[in-house]
Amino acid sequence: MEHEPIHLVSKWWLRAVALIVATTPAAVVLWLQDAIAPKLAELMPKTLLQIFVVLLLTAFALLAVIILLRPWLRWDEPTGTWLNKFSGIRYCGTCRANKKIVVPLKNEITGWRCVACDKFRVDPARKPKQEESKVVKRERI
């Protein structure tokens, strides 16, 4: 529990750095707008349009990367696993809570097993199969 406050501080620190890095180009443009405006007025409209299109495509590419790389997980209470809404892959809830890692679960006959912590999660929708070899019939004498 001693490490949690440091972890929270580092999260906020990283978010602050990300905010500063993200807003720096816009701040520089606003700060230098008096110097940049005459230079932009000299450029041809076609060049300005090309610059705008490149900036717009870059923004869309960054947005696509954020959307595609974001883990779209939701908590599945009956199974105790995290479920990816798009791919259907399940992830270990124990590893995500304790180790702060996202580990996919291995599919087995009656549920899923974590490959990192070896914890087994039962799927309530699956019925356990009783093999005939395990069922021993006793005869009365």
Foldseek 3Di string as FASTA:
>chain_A
DVCVVVVVVVVVVVVVVVVCVVCVVVVVCVVCVVVVVVVVVPDDPVVVVVVVVVVVVVVVVVVVCCVVPDQQWDADVQFCWIARPPPRWTWHNVCCVPVVDTFTWPDDQQFTATPPPRDTTGDPVGDDDDDPVPDDDDDDD
